[in-house]
C-alpha cells in the first residue's frame, strides 16, 4: 500500500471517529433508553444527521 493510501485511510478514519465523538458529546447519541431497534435507529440517525448538518452550516458560515 502506498503512503498516500495509508494517509487517506487514516484521514477518513479520524473524520468518522470525530463524527461519532461529536454525536456522543453534543447531540445525545448515547442518551436513548429505548430497546426497540426502530427507535434506536431513529436516535442514531437523528444524532449523526444533526452533527453533519452543523458541520455543513459551520462551513457555509466560515466558522471553521
PDB file of N, CA and C in Angstrom:
ATOM      1  N   UNK A   1       0.848  -1.163   0.000  1.00  0.00           N
ATOM      2  CA  UNK A   1       0.000   0.000   0.000  1.00  0.00           C
ATOM      3  C   UNK A   1       0.900   1.234   0.000  1.00  0.00           C
ATOM      4  N   UNK A   2       0.559   2.189  -0.807  1.00  0.00           N
ATOM      5  CA  UNK A   2       1.394   3.378  -0.886  1.00  0.00           C
ATOM      6  C   UNK A   2       1.165   4.287   0.322  1.00  0.00           C
ATOM      7  N   UNK A   3       2.096   5.166   0.561  1.00  0.00           N
ATOM      8  CA  UNK A   3       1.995   6.103   1.682  1.00  0.00           C
ATOM      9  C   UNK A   3       0.767   6.994   1.556  1.00  0.00           C
ATOM     10  N   UNK A   4       0.467   7.419   0.343  1.00  0.00           N
ATOM     11  CA  UNK A   4      -0.706   8.283   0.136  1.00  0.00           C
ATOM     12  C   UNK A   4      -1.996   7.553   0.501  1.00  0.00           C
ATOM     13  N   UNK A   5      -2.071   6.265   0.173  1.00  0.00           N
ATOM     14  CA  UNK A   5      -3.261   5.483   0.521  1.00  0.00           C
ATOM     15  C   UNK A   5      -3.418   5.351   2.028  1.00  0.00           C
ATOM     16  N   UNK A   6      -2.319   5.088   2.718  1.00  0.00           N
ATOM     17  CA  UNK A   6      -2.360   4.954   4.174  1.00  0.00           C
ATOM     18  C   UNK A   6      -2.822   6.261   4.812  1.00  0.00           C
ATOM     19  N   UNK A   7      -2.284   7.366   4.358  1.00  0.00           N
ATOM     20  CA  UNK A   7      -2.670   8.669   4.905  1.00  0.00           C
ATOM     21  C   UNK A   7      -4.145   8.947   4.636  1.00  0.00           C
ATOM     22  N   UNK A   8      -4.609   8.616   3.454  1.00  0.00           N
ATOM     23  CA  UNK A   8      -6.021   8.844   3.117  1.00  0.00           C
ATOM     24  C   UNK A   8      -6.938   7.970   3.978  1.00  0.00           C
ATOM     25  N   UNK A   9      -6.553   6.723   4.217  1.00  0.00           N
ATOM     26  CA  UNK A   9      -7.349   5.843   5.073  1.00  0.00           C
ATOM     27  C   UNK A   9      -7.431   6.399   6.498  1.00  0.00           C
ATOM     28  N   UNK A  10      -6.300   6.851   7.040  1.00  0.00           N
ATOM     29  CA  UNK A  10      -6.308   7.390   8.392  1.00  0.00           C
ATOM     30  C   UNK A  10      -7.090   8.697   8.472  1.00  0.00           C
ATOM     31  N   UNK A  11      -6.989   9.522   7.459  1.00  0.00           N
ATOM     32  CA  UNK A  11      -7.754  10.771   7.437  1.00  0.00           C
ATOM     33  C   UNK A  11      -9.250  10.471   7.463  1.00  0.00           C
ATOM     34  N   UNK A  12      -9.684   9.514   6.664  1.00  0.00           N
ATOM     35  CA  UNK A  12     -11.085   9.124   6.627  1.00  0.00           C
ATOM     36  C   UNK A  12     -11.518   8.518   7.959  1.00  0.00           C
ATOM     37  N   UNK A  13     -10.669   7.682   8.522  1.00  0.00           N
ATOM     38  CA  UNK A  13     -10.988   7.043   9.805  1.00  0.00           C
ATOM     39  C   UNK A  13     -11.181   8.076  10.898  1.00  0.00           C
ATOM     40  N   UNK A  14     -10.294   9.064  10.962  1.00  0.00           N
ATOM     41  CA  UNK A  14     -10.413  10.074  12.007  1.00  0.00           C
ATOM     42  C   UNK A  14     -11.620  10.969  11.796  1.00  0.00           C
ATOM     43  N   UNK A  15     -12.003  11.232  10.559  1.00  0.00           N
ATOM     44  CA  UNK A  15     -13.224  12.003  10.316  1.00  0.00           C
ATOM     45  C   UNK A  15     -14.435  11.252  10.847  1.00  0.00           C
ATOM     46  N   UNK A  16     -14.471   9.943  10.650  1.00  0.00           N
ATOM     47  CA  UNK A  16     -15.571   9.130  11.160  1.00  0.00           C
ATOM     48  C   UNK A  16     -15.570   9.132  12.687  1.00  0.00           C
ATOM     49  N   UNK A  17     -14.394   8.964  13.288  1.00  0.00           N
ATOM     50  CA  UNK A  17     -14.306   8.949  14.747  1.00  0.00           C
ATOM     51  C   UNK A  17     -14.727  10.287  15.345  1.00  0.00           C
ATOM     52  N   UNK A  18     -14.338  11.395  14.716  1.00  0.00           N
ATOM     53  CA  UNK A  18     -14.721  12.709  15.228  1.00  0.00           C
ATOM     54  C   UNK A  18     -16.221  12.919  15.096  1.00  0.00           C
ATOM     55  N   UNK A  19     -16.821  12.384  14.053  1.00  0.00           N
ATOM     56  CA  UNK A  19     -18.271  12.484  13.887  1.00  0.00           C
ATOM     57  C   UNK A  19     -18.979  11.766  15.035  1.00  0.00           C
ATOM     58  N   UNK A  20     -18.543  10.553  15.385  1.00  0.00           N
ATOM     59  CA  UNK A  20     -19.138   9.832  16.496  1.00  0.00           C
ATOM     60  C   UNK A  20     -18.852  10.521  17.829  1.00  0.00           C
ATOM     61  N   UNK A  21     -17.651  11.053  17.999  1.00  0.00           N
ATOM     62  CA  UNK A  21     -17.322  11.767  19.237  1.00  0.00           C
ATOM     63  C   UNK A  21     -18.244  12.965  19.430  1.00  0.00           C
ATOM     64  N   UNK A  22     -18.447  13.740  18.356  1.00  0.00           N
ATOM     65  CA  UNK A  22     -19.326  14.901  18.439  1.00  0.00           C
ATOM     66  C   UNK A  22     -20.768  14.493  18.688  1.00  0.00           C
ATOM     67  N   UNK A  23     -21.193  13.402  18.066  1.00  0.00           N
ATOM     68  CA  UNK A  23     -22.564  12.928  18.271  1.00  0.00           C
ATOM     69  C   UNK A  23     -22.772  12.475  19.710  1.00  0.00           C
ATOM     70  N   UNK A  24     -21.789  11.823  20.286  1.00  0.00           N
ATOM     71  CA  UNK A  24     -21.905  11.389  21.674  1.00  0.00           C
ATOM     72  C   UNK A  24     -21.878  12.576  22.629  1.00  0.00           C
ATOM     73  N   UNK A  25     -21.032  13.544  22.355  1.00  0.00           N
ATOM     74  CA  UNK A  25     -20.846  14.655  23.277  1.00  0.00           C
ATOM     75  C   UNK A  25     -21.869  15.765  23.173  1.00  0.00           C
ATOM     76  N   UNK A  26     -22.402  16.012  21.976  1.00  0.00           N
ATOM     77  CA  UNK A  26     -23.226  17.196  21.779  1.00  0.00           C
ATOM     78  C   UNK A  26     -24.673  16.916  21.377  1.00  0.00           C
ATOM     79  N   UNK A  27     -24.963  15.752  20.827  1.00  0.00           N
ATOM     80  CA  UNK A  27     -26.322  15.525  20.339  1.00  0.00           C
ATOM     81  C   UNK A  27     -27.000  14.318  20.978  1.00  0.00           C
ATOM     82  N   UNK A  28     -26.453  13.797  22.057  1.00  0.00           N
ATOM     83  CA  UNK A  28     -27.121  12.739  22.806  1.00  0.00           C
ATOM     84  C   UNK A  28     -27.187  11.396  22.134  1.00  0.00           C
ATOM     85  N   UNK A  29     -26.144  11.023  21.435  1.00  0.00           N
ATOM     86  CA  UNK A  29     -26.146   9.734  20.736  1.00  0.00           C
ATOM     87  C   UNK A  29     -26.378   8.571  21.693  1.00  0.00           C
ATOM     88  N   UNK A  30     -25.812   8.619  22.860  1.00  0.00           N
ATOM     89  CA  UNK A  30     -25.906   7.501  23.800  1.00  0.00           C
ATOM     90  C   UNK A  30     -26.965   7.712  24.887  1.00  0.00           C
ATOM     91  N   UNK A  31     -27.846   8.681  24.721  1.00  0.00           N
ATOM     92  CA  UNK A  31     -28.806   9.011  25.769  1.00  0.00           C
ATOM     93  C   UNK A  31     -30.128   8.261  25.653  1.00  0.00           C
ATOM     94  N   UNK A  32     -30.357   7.585  24.578  1.00  0.00           N
ATOM     95  CA  UNK A  32     -31.629   6.883  24.386  1.00  0.00           C
ATOM     96  C   UNK A  32     -31.694   5.653  25.278  1.00  0.00           C
ATOM     97  N   UNK A  33     -32.856   5.445  25.893  1.00  0.00           N
ATOM     98  CA  UNK A  33     -33.059   4.256  26.713  1.00  0.00           C
ATOM     99  C   UNK A  33     -34.000   3.278  26.034  1.00  0.00           C
ATOM    100  N   UNK A  34     -34.252   3.504  24.762  1.00  0.00           N
ATOM    101  CA  UNK A  34     -35.164   2.634  24.011  1.00  0.00           C
ATOM    102  C   UNK A  34     -34.533   1.261  23.795  1.00  0.00           C
ATOM    103  N   UNK A  35     -35.367   0.276  23.625  1.00  0.00           N
ATOM    104  CA  UNK A  35     -34.909  -1.090  23.333  1.00  0.00           C
ATOM    105  C   UNK A  35     -35.322  -1.526  21.931  1.00  0.00           C
ATOM    106  N   UNK A  36     -36.285  -0.851  21.361  1.00  0.00           N
ATOM    107  CA  UNK A  36     -36.783  -1.185  20.038  1.00  0.00           C
ATOM    108  C   UNK A  36     -35.753  -0.775  18.973  1.00  0.00           C
ATOM    109  N   UNK A  37     -35.491  -1.660  18.031  1.00  0.00           N
ATOM    110  CA  UNK A  37     -34.476  -1.405  17.006  1.00  0.00           C
ATOM    111  C   UNK A  37     -34.826  -0.178  16.164  1.00  0.00           C
ATOM    112  N   UNK A  38     -36.087  -0.008  15.826  1.00  0.00           N
ATOM    113  CA  UNK A  38     -36.501   1.138  15.010  1.00  0.00           C
ATOM    114  C   UNK A  38     -36.285   2.453  15.753  1.00  0.00           C
ATOM    115  N   UNK A  39     -36.585   2.459  17.043  1.00  0.00           N
ATOM    116  CA  UNK A  39     -36.389   3.681  17.840  1.00  0.00           C
ATOM    117  C   UNK A  39     -34.906   3.988  18.025  1.00  0.00           C
ATOM    118  N   UNK A  40     -34.108   2.963  18.226  1.00  0.00           N
ATOM    119  CA  UNK A  40     -32.661   3.175  18.337  1.00  0.00           C
ATOM    120  C   UNK A  40     -32.083   3.684  17.024  1.00  0.00           C
ATOM    121  N   UNK A  41     -32.536   3.122  15.915  1.00  0.00           N
ATOM    122  CA  UNK A  41     -32.074   3.575  14.601  1.00  0.00           C
ATOM    123  C   UNK A  41     -32.419   5.037  14.385  1.00  0.00           C
ATOM    124  N   UNK A  42     -33.634   5.412  14.753  1.00  0.00           N
ATOM    125  CA  UNK A  42     -34.039   6.808  14.606  1.00  0.00           C
ATOM    126  C   UNK A  42     -33.147   7.719  15.437  1.00  0.00           C
ATOM    127  N   UNK A  43     -32.848   7.317  16.670  1.00  0.00           N
ATOM    128  CA  UNK A  43     -31.993   8.135  17.535  1.00  0.00           C
ATOM    129  C   UNK A  43     -30.590   8.280  16.949  1.00  0.00           C
ATOM    130  N   UNK A  44     -30.015   7.181  16.483  1.00  0.00           N
ATOM    131  CA  UNK A  44     -28.677   7.241  15.890  1.00  0.00           C
ATOM    132  C   UNK A  44     -28.669   8.139  14.655  1.00  0.00           C
ATOM    133  N   UNK A  45     -29.652   7.952  13.785  1.00  0.00           N
ATOM    134  CA  UNK A  45     -29.722   8.757  12.569  1.00  0.00           C
ATOM    135  C   UNK A  45     -29.930  10.231  12.873  1.00  0.00           C
ATOM    136  N   UNK A  46     -30.787  10.529  13.840  1.00  0.00           N
ATOM    137  CA  UNK A  46     -31.032  11.927  14.199  1.00  0.00           C
ATOM    138  C   UNK A  46     -29.775  12.580  14.765  1.00  0.00           C
ATOM    139  N   UNK A  47     -29.053  11.878  15.624  1.00  0.00           N
ATOM    140  CA  UNK A  47     -27.834  12.432  16.216  1.00  0.00           C
ATOM    141  C   UNK A  47     -26.755  12.680  15.167  1.00  0.00           C
ATOM    142  N   UNK A  48     -26.520  11.685  14.334  1.00  0.00           N
ATOM    143  CA  UNK A  48     -25.464  11.824  13.330  1.00  0.00           C
ATOM    144  C   UNK A  48     -25.838  12.843  12.257  1.00  0.00           C
ATOM    145  N   UNK A  49     -27.112  12.922  11.902  1.00  0.00           N
ATOM    146  CA  UNK A  49     -27.562  13.926  10.930  1.00  0.00           C
ATOM    147  C   UNK A  49     -27.377  15.327  11.488  1.00  0.00           C
ATOM    148  N   UNK A  50     -27.689  15.511  12.764  1.00  0.00           N
ATOM    149  CA  UNK A  50     -27.522  16.812  13.393  1.00  0.00           C
ATOM    150  C   UNK A  50     -26.066  17.259  13.381  1.00  0.00           C
ATOM    151  N   UNK A  51     -25.167  16.345  13.675  1.00  0.00           N
ATOM    152  CA  UNK A  51     -23.735  16.679  13.647  1.00  0.00           C
ATOM    153  C   UNK A  51     -23.314  17.073  12.240  1.00  0.00           C
ATOM    154  N   UNK A  52     -23.729  16.304  11.249  1.00  0.00           N
ATOM    155  CA  UNK A  52     -23.349  16.605   9.872  1.00  0.00           C
ATOM    156  C   UNK A  52     -23.936  17.930   9.397  1.00  0.00           C
ATOM    157  N   UNK A  53     -25.178  18.215   9.754  1.00  0.00           N
ATOM    158  CA  UNK A  53     -25.781  19.499   9.381  1.00  0.00           C
ATOM    159  C   UNK A  53     -25.063  20.668  10.050  1.00  0.00           C
ATOM    160  N   UNK A  54     -24.673  20.482  11.301  1.00  0.00           N
ATOM    161  CA  UNK A  54     -23.933  21.535  11.998  1.00  0.00           C
ATOM    162  C   UNK A  54     -22.591  21.802  11.318  1.00  0.00           C
ATOM    163  N   UNK A  55     -21.931  20.750  10.865  1.00  0.00           N
ATOM    164  CA  UNK A  55     -20.660  20.923  10.168  1.00  0.00           C
ATOM    165  C   UNK A  55     -20.840  21.648   8.840  1.00  0.00           C
ATOM    166  N   UNK A  56     -21.913  21.312   8.121  1.00  0.00           N
ATOM    167  CA  UNK A  56     -22.193  21.979   6.847  1.00  0.00           C
ATOM    168  C   UNK A  56     -22.483  23.457   7.079  1.00  0.00           C
ATOM    169  N   UNK A  57     -23.309  23.758   8.077  1.00  0.00           N
ATOM    170  CA  UNK A  57     -23.619  25.159   8.380  1.00  0.00           C
ATOM    171  C   UNK A  57     -22.385  25.934   8.817  1.00  0.00           C
ATOM    172  N   UNK A  58     -21.513  25.288   9.583  1.00  0.00           N
ATOM    173  CA  UNK A  58     -20.281  25.947  10.008  1.00  0.00           C
ATOM    174  C   UNK A  58     -19.393  26.269   8.814  1.00  0.00           C
ATOM    175  N   UNK A  59     -19.326  25.364   7.852  1.00  0.00           N
ATOM    176  CA  UNK A  59     -18.539  25.641   6.642  1.00  0.00           C
ATOM    177  C   UNK A  59     -19.146  26.755   5.829  1.00  0.00           C
ATOM    178  N   UNK A  60     -20.484  26.756   5.705  1.00  0.00           N
ATOM    179  CA  UNK A  60     -21.147  27.809   4.927  1.00  0.00           C
ATOM    180  C   UNK A  60     -20.955  29.181   5.564  1.00  0.00           C
ATOM    181  N   UNK A  61     -20.962  29.208   6.895  1.00  0.00           N
ATOM    182  CA  UNK A  61     -20.796  30.479   7.596  1.00  0.00           C
ATOM    183  C   UNK A  61     -19.320  30.801   7.834  1.00  0.00           C
ATOM    184  N   UNK A  62     -18.458  29.895   7.374  1.00  0.00           N
ATOM    185  CA  UNK A  62     -16.999  30.034   7.508  1.00  0.00           C
ATOM    186  C   UNK A  62     -16.567  30.220   8.955  1.00  0.00           C
ATOM    187  N   UNK A  63     -17.176  29.407   9.830  1.00  0.00           N
ATOM    188  CA  UNK A  63     -16.835  29.426  11.246  1.00  0.00           C
ATOM    189  C   UNK A  63     -15.541  28.648  11.490  1.00  0.00           C
ATOM    190  N   UNK A  64     -15.388  27.551  10.762  1.00  0.00           N
ATOM    191  CA  UNK A  64     -14.177  26.749  10.956  1.00  0.00           C
ATOM    192  C   UNK A  64     -13.401  26.618   9.672  1.00  0.00           C
TER     193      UNK A  64
END
